[in-house]
Amino acid sequence: MDFSWLPKYWPVLAEGAYRTMLLLVISGVIGNIFAILIGLARISKNPLINTPALAFTSVIRGTPLLVQIFILYYGLGSLFASWPAIRETFLWGFLKEGFWYIVFALVIS
């Protein structure tokens, strides 16, 4: 095996590993915060808090992650495209790209 390319690309590989670990930690922290909030909402005696949390967990746990990603990627972008009020805001740059929906789906799962 020839590893003569490694010294040339080592800084790029190290930066990629660092960014991967950073994204892992950030998504883990955000996911744990969401999990704690949803868990506290699920044990609440108030039906206005408990019912949406129950519906959310039932939908998220009841559908495969790949199906959720397809719905977010192909569904929401098409839905938002039909609303001119949203297309004129600064958010359209994020909402038109399916990448952000996948990131959100992976963080909340």
Protein backbone atom coordinates (compact mmCIF):
# COMPACT_ATOMS: atom_id res chain seq x y z
CA MET A 1 0.00 0.00 0.00
CA ASP A 2 1.24 3.43 -0.94
CA PHE A 3 0.61 6.13 1.66
CA SER A 4 2.71 8.81 0.01
CA TRP A 5 -0.40 11.01 -0.32
CA LEU A 6 -0.98 11.09 3.46
CA PRO A 7 1.40 13.97 4.37
CA LYS A 8 -0.16 16.14 1.68
CA TYR A 9 -3.77 15.58 2.78
CA TRP A 10 -3.24 15.12 6.53
CA PRO A 11 -4.39 18.68 7.45
CA VAL A 12 -7.60 18.26 5.45
CA LEU A 13 -8.31 14.88 7.04
CA ALA A 14 -7.64 16.25 10.53
CA GLU A 15 -9.97 19.20 9.91
CA GLY A 16 -12.67 16.83 8.65
CA ALA A 17 -12.30 14.62 11.72
CA TYR A 18 -12.50 17.67 13.99
CA ARG A 19 -15.65 18.97 12.29
CA THR A 20 -17.23 15.52 12.43
CA MET A 21 -16.61 15.27 16.16
CA LEU A 22 -17.88 18.82 16.69
CA LEU A 23 -21.12 18.05 14.83
CA LEU A 24 -21.46 14.82 16.80
CA VAL A 25 -21.16 16.64 20.13
CA ILE A 26 -23.48 19.49 19.12
CA SER A 27 -26.18 17.17 17.79
CA GLY A 28 -25.85 14.95 20.86
CA VAL A 29 -26.32 17.90 23.23
CA ILE A 30 -29.28 19.28 21.27
CA GLY A 31 -30.82 15.81 20.99
CA ASN A 32 -30.48 15.21 24.72
CA ILE A 33 -32.09 18.56 25.51
CA PHE A 34 -35.04 17.69 23.25
CA ALA A 35 -35.26 14.22 24.79
CA ILE A 36 -35.39 15.59 28.32
CA LEU A 37 -38.03 18.18 27.40
CA ILE A 38 -40.20 15.61 25.60
CA GLY A 39 -39.73 13.15 28.47
CA LEU A 40 -40.83 15.74 31.02
CA ALA A 41 -43.80 16.63 28.82
CA ARG A 42 -44.79 12.95 28.59
CA ILE A 43 -44.95 12.50 32.36
CA SER A 44 -46.92 15.71 32.84
CA LYS A 45 -50.46 15.40 34.20
CA ASN A 46 -51.59 18.32 32.02
CA PRO A 47 -53.25 16.93 28.86
CA LEU A 48 -52.33 20.08 26.87
CA ILE A 49 -48.67 19.22 27.42
CA ASN A 50 -48.88 15.42 27.50
CA THR A 51 -50.96 14.87 24.34
CA PRO A 52 -48.68 16.66 21.83
CA ALA A 53 -45.66 14.94 23.35
CA LEU A 54 -47.42 11.57 23.04
CA ALA A 55 -48.33 12.30 19.41
CA PHE A 56 -44.78 13.41 18.63
CA THR A 57 -43.17 10.33 20.15
CA SER A 58 -45.70 8.02 18.51
CA VAL A 59 -45.00 9.46 15.07
CA ILE A 60 -41.22 9.61 15.48
CA ARG A 61 -40.92 6.12 16.97
CA GLY A 62 -43.57 4.63 14.70
CA THR A 63 -41.99 5.52 11.37
CA PRO A 64 -38.57 4.52 10.05
CA LEU A 65 -35.94 7.25 9.94
CA LEU A 66 -35.52 6.88 6.19
CA VAL A 67 -39.24 7.57 5.66
CA GLN A 68 -39.00 10.64 7.91
CA ILE A 69 -36.03 11.92 5.91
CA PHE A 70 -37.88 11.43 2.61
CA ILE A 71 -40.93 13.26 3.94
CA LEU A 72 -38.84 16.14 5.25
CA TYR A 73 -36.61 16.36 2.19
CA TYR A 74 -39.24 16.05 -0.52
CA GLY A 75 -42.41 17.07 1.31
CA LEU A 76 -41.70 20.25 3.25
CA GLY A 77 -39.63 21.91 0.55
CA SER A 78 -42.50 21.46 -1.89
CA LEU A 79 -45.04 22.68 0.65
CA PHE A 80 -43.10 25.85 1.47
CA ALA A 81 -42.48 26.57 -2.22
CA SER A 82 -46.20 27.10 -2.75
CA TRP A 83 -46.39 29.92 -0.15
CA PRO A 84 -45.21 33.26 -1.62
CA ALA A 85 -45.03 34.86 1.83
CA ILE A 86 -42.34 32.39 2.89
CA ARG A 87 -40.44 32.61 -0.39
CA GLU A 88 -39.92 36.36 0.16
CA THR A 89 -38.31 35.99 3.59
CA PHE A 90 -34.68 35.44 4.46
CA LEU A 91 -35.60 31.90 5.62
CA TRP A 92 -36.24 30.71 2.07
CA GLY A 93 -32.54 30.12 1.56
CA PHE A 94 -32.69 27.47 4.28
CA LEU A 95 -36.18 26.14 3.62
CA LYS A 96 -35.63 25.41 -0.07
CA GLU A 97 -32.69 23.10 0.65
CA GLY A 98 -33.54 19.63 1.90
CA PHE A 99 -30.22 19.38 3.76
CA TRP A 100 -31.51 21.44 6.70
CA TYR A 101 -34.57 19.19 7.11
CA ILE A 102 -32.33 16.13 7.32
CA VAL A 103 -30.10 17.79 9.90
CA PHE A 104 -33.19 18.65 11.96
CA ALA A 105 -34.58 15.13 11.62
CA LEU A 106 -31.30 13.59 12.75
CA VAL A 107 -31.03 15.95 15.70
CA ILE A 108 -34.54 15.28 17.02
CA SER A 109 -34.40 11.51 16.49
